[in-house]
Amino acid sequence: MPNHTLNPDNWIDNYSDYLFNYTISRVNDREMAKDLVQDTFFAALKSMKNFKGDANERTWLIAILKRKIIDHYRKINSKKGQAEVRMSYNSDEAEGDWLEERVSDPFDKTAEDKLENEELGDAIYNCLGKLPEKQANVFKMKTIEGLDTETICNELNITASNLWVIIHRARNAMAECLEENWL
């Protein structure tokens, strides 16, 4: 693979729209998407010395952006289930406010929830096994592993338009299979 170089002066012109569209499809919040792209450019500038040149600029920036998106969801999920309870109390000895922060118990899953998740996972892999091998590979790479189009096309030696035809067919087949076998 050729040794790629970085040119941060062109990042905004060359990649901001692509990175924004990539992000907005994952976070569904325009302001957050803008912030994550900005954070990506900032992190890339800070870590330029770590760039080995094995991938092109866009692929490297997307890898950074993916980590930013994951961090975003981790942050959201760490706050998820927290509730603040404020109560006033008045007794003979004292009076004041009582504050409790309650965090939901991550192990507070019902047996039904666990069973449903296992059933869905089994149904997905069962349906994946029914796809033609190329469709299954493309579906796994794009949907499950989250690889970008360029990486998949290079690895499978296919064009981008061919990839989108394959992924469209795979998703339709998966949807039909899941409707029959899980819903």
Protein backbone atom coordinates (compact mmCIF):
# COMPACT_ATOMS: atom_id res chain seq x y z
CA MET A 1 0.00 0.00 0.00
CA PRO A 2 1.37 3.45 -0.84
CA ASN A 3 2.63 5.67 1.94
CA HIS A 4 -0.02 8.41 2.35
CA THR A 5 0.65 11.85 3.79
CA LEU A 6 -1.51 14.32 5.70
CA ASN A 7 -2.51 17.76 4.51
CA PRO A 8 -4.60 19.37 7.28
CA ASP A 9 -4.98 22.61 5.31
CA ASN A 10 -7.40 20.79 2.99
CA TRP A 11 -9.32 18.69 5.53
CA ILE A 12 -12.28 21.02 5.88
CA ASP A 13 -12.71 21.48 2.13
CA ASN A 14 -12.13 17.82 1.30
CA TYR A 15 -13.73 15.92 4.17
CA SER A 16 -16.04 18.03 6.34
CA ASP A 17 -19.20 17.31 4.32
CA TYR A 18 -18.48 13.60 4.16
CA LEU A 19 -17.66 13.39 7.88
CA PHE A 20 -20.75 15.43 8.78
CA ASN A 21 -23.04 13.19 6.69
CA TYR A 22 -21.42 10.10 8.20
CA THR A 23 -21.96 11.49 11.71
CA ILE A 24 -25.50 12.83 11.29
CA SER A 25 -26.66 9.40 10.13
CA ARG A 26 -25.38 7.98 13.42
CA VAL A 27 -26.28 10.65 16.00
CA ASN A 28 -29.30 12.30 14.35
CA ASP A 29 -28.47 15.68 15.92
CA ARG A 30 -27.02 18.41 13.68
CA GLU A 31 -25.26 20.34 16.44
CA MET A 32 -23.78 17.21 17.98
CA ALA A 33 -22.65 16.05 14.53
CA LYS A 34 -20.89 19.38 13.95
CA ASP A 35 -19.22 19.14 17.36
CA LEU A 36 -18.05 15.58 16.74
CA VAL A 37 -16.57 16.49 13.34
CA GLN A 38 -14.80 19.47 14.91
CA ASP A 39 -13.50 17.24 17.72
CA THR A 40 -12.28 14.80 15.08
CA PHE A 41 -10.29 17.45 13.25
CA PHE A 42 -8.82 18.68 16.55
CA ALA A 43 -7.86 15.15 17.65
CA ALA A 44 -6.35 14.47 14.23
CA LEU A 45 -4.21 17.62 14.46
CA LYS A 46 -3.03 16.57 17.92
CA SER A 47 -2.16 13.04 16.79
CA MET A 48 -0.61 13.77 13.38
CA LYS A 49 2.71 12.46 14.63
CA ASN A 50 1.08 9.02 15.11
CA PHE A 51 -0.09 8.82 11.47
CA LYS A 52 1.82 5.98 9.84
CA GLY A 53 0.61 6.54 6.27
CA ASP A 54 -0.89 3.06 5.91
CA ALA A 55 -4.33 4.51 5.15
CA ASN A 56 -5.39 7.61 3.28
CA GLU A 57 -6.41 10.79 5.11
CA ARG A 58 -10.15 10.20 4.87
CA THR A 59 -9.94 6.64 6.20
CA TRP A 60 -7.75 7.83 9.08
CA LEU A 61 -10.15 10.70 9.90
CA ILE A 62 -13.13 8.33 9.81
CA ALA A 63 -11.36 5.99 12.24
CA ILE A 64 -10.91 8.92 14.63
CA LEU A 65 -14.52 10.02 14.09
CA LYS A 66 -15.82 6.52 14.85
CA ARG A 67 -14.05 6.64 18.21
CA LYS A 68 -15.56 10.08 18.88
CA ILE A 69 -19.06 8.75 18.11
CA ILE A 70 -18.50 5.74 20.37
CA ASP A 71 -17.28 8.05 23.15
CA HIS A 72 -20.37 10.23 22.63
CA TYR A 73 -22.69 7.25 23.13
CA ARG A 74 -20.70 5.98 26.09
CA LYS A 75 -21.08 9.38 27.72
CA ILE A 76 -24.82 9.43 27.05
CA ASN A 77 -25.27 5.89 28.34
CA SER A 78 -23.29 6.60 31.49
CA LYS A 79 -25.82 9.33 32.30
CA LYS A 80 -28.78 7.23 31.19
CA GLY A 81 -30.97 6.09 34.01
CA GLN A 82 -29.74 8.69 36.45
CA ALA A 83 -32.43 10.51 38.30
CA GLU A 84 -32.12 13.25 40.82
CA VAL A 85 -34.53 13.15 43.71
CA ARG A 86 -34.76 16.17 45.96
CA MET A 87 -36.95 16.05 49.02
CA SER A 88 -37.53 18.53 51.78
CA TYR A 89 -37.77 17.19 55.26
CA ASN A 90 -38.83 18.69 58.51
CA SER A 91 -38.55 16.88 61.80
CA ASP A 92 -38.23 17.91 65.41
CA GLU A 93 -34.43 17.68 65.23
CA ALA A 94 -33.67 19.21 61.83
CA GLU A 95 -34.99 20.47 58.57
CA GLY A 96 -33.47 20.84 55.12
CA ASP A 97 -33.14 19.24 51.71
CA TRP A 98 -32.21 15.67 50.96
CA LEU A 99 -30.67 14.90 47.58
CA GLU A 100 -30.26 11.44 46.16
CA GLU A 101 -28.83 10.55 42.79
CA ARG A 102 -30.05 7.17 41.69
CA VAL A 103 -28.31 5.31 38.92
CA SER A 104 -30.19 2.49 37.28
CA ASP A 105 -28.84 -0.97 37.92
CA PRO A 106 -27.28 -2.31 34.70
CA PHE A 107 -28.08 -5.82 35.93
CA ASP A 108 -31.76 -4.96 36.37
CA LYS A 109 -32.82 -6.82 33.26
CA THR A 110 -35.77 -9.11 33.29
CA ALA A 111 -35.47 -12.67 32.10
CA GLU A 112 -37.81 -11.68 29.28
CA ASP A 113 -35.41 -8.92 28.11
CA LYS A 114 -32.48 -11.31 28.10
CA LEU A 115 -34.43 -13.98 26.26
CA GLU A 116 -35.65 -11.49 23.65
CA ASN A 117 -32.09 -10.23 23.01
CA GLU A 118 -30.79 -13.78 22.67
CA GLU A 119 -33.64 -14.69 20.32
CA LEU A 120 -32.99 -11.63 18.15
CA GLY A 121 -29.25 -12.38 18.00
CA ASP A 122 -29.95 -15.99 17.05
CA ALA A 123 -32.47 -14.87 14.40
CA ILE A 124 -29.99 -12.38 12.89
CA TYR A 125 -27.23 -14.96 12.61
CA ASN A 126 -29.67 -17.56 11.32
CA CYS A 127 -30.82 -15.15 8.59
CA LEU A 128 -27.24 -14.14 7.84
CA GLY A 129 -26.44 -17.80 7.25
CA LYS A 130 -29.16 -17.98 4.59
CA LEU A 131 -27.65 -15.16 2.50
CA PRO A 132 -25.29 -15.85 -0.40
CA GLU A 133 -21.69 -15.71 0.86
CA LYS A 134 -20.81 -12.39 -0.79
CA GLN A 135 -23.98 -10.70 0.50
CA ALA A 136 -23.35 -12.04 3.99
CA ASN A 137 -19.74 -10.78 3.96
CA VAL A 138 -20.73 -7.34 2.73
CA PHE A 139 -23.60 -7.11 5.25
CA LYS A 140 -21.30 -8.09 8.14
CA MET A 141 -18.56 -5.68 7.08
CA LYS A 142 -20.86 -2.70 6.49
CA THR A 143 -23.62 -3.15 9.06
CA ILE A 144 -22.07 -5.14 11.90
CA GLU A 145 -18.40 -4.12 11.74
CA GLY A 146 -19.15 -0.58 10.50
CA LEU A 147 -16.38 -0.52 7.89
CA ASP A 148 -16.45 2.32 5.39
CA THR A 149 -17.25 1.80 1.72
CA GLU A 150 -13.69 2.34 0.50
CA THR A 151 -12.26 -0.28 2.84
CA ILE A 152 -14.87 -2.87 1.87
CA CYS A 153 -14.44 -2.18 -1.84
CA ASN A 154 -10.66 -2.52 -1.58
CA GLU A 155 -10.87 -5.72 0.45
CA LEU A 156 -13.44 -7.41 -1.80
CA ASN A 157 -12.19 -5.83 -5.04
CA ILE A 158 -15.61 -4.42 -5.99
CA THR A 159 -16.87 -0.99 -7.03
CA ALA A 160 -18.84 1.28 -4.72
CA SER A 161 -21.97 0.95 -6.85
CA ASN A 162 -21.64 -2.85 -6.77
CA LEU A 163 -21.27 -2.67 -2.98
CA TRP A 164 -24.49 -0.66 -2.62
CA VAL A 165 -26.41 -3.09 -4.83
CA ILE A 166 -25.15 -6.02 -2.74
CA ILE A 167 -25.89 -4.30 0.58
CA HIS A 168 -29.38 -3.30 -0.62
CA ARG A 169 -30.17 -6.89 -1.58
CA ALA A 170 -28.70 -8.23 1.67
CA ARG A 171 -30.70 -5.80 3.81
CA ASN A 172 -33.92 -6.63 1.99
CA ALA A 173 -33.29 -10.36 2.39
CA MET A 174 -32.44 -9.90 6.09
CA ALA A 175 -35.60 -7.86 6.68
CA GLU A 176 -37.78 -10.50 5.00
CA CYS A 177 -36.08 -13.32 6.89
CA LEU A 178 -36.41 -11.54 10.24
CA GLU A 179 -40.08 -10.80 9.60
CA GLU A 180 -40.70 -14.49 8.94
CA ASN A 181 -38.51 -15.90 11.71
CA TRP A 182 -38.52 -13.41 14.54
CA LEU A 183 -41.31 -10.82 14.49
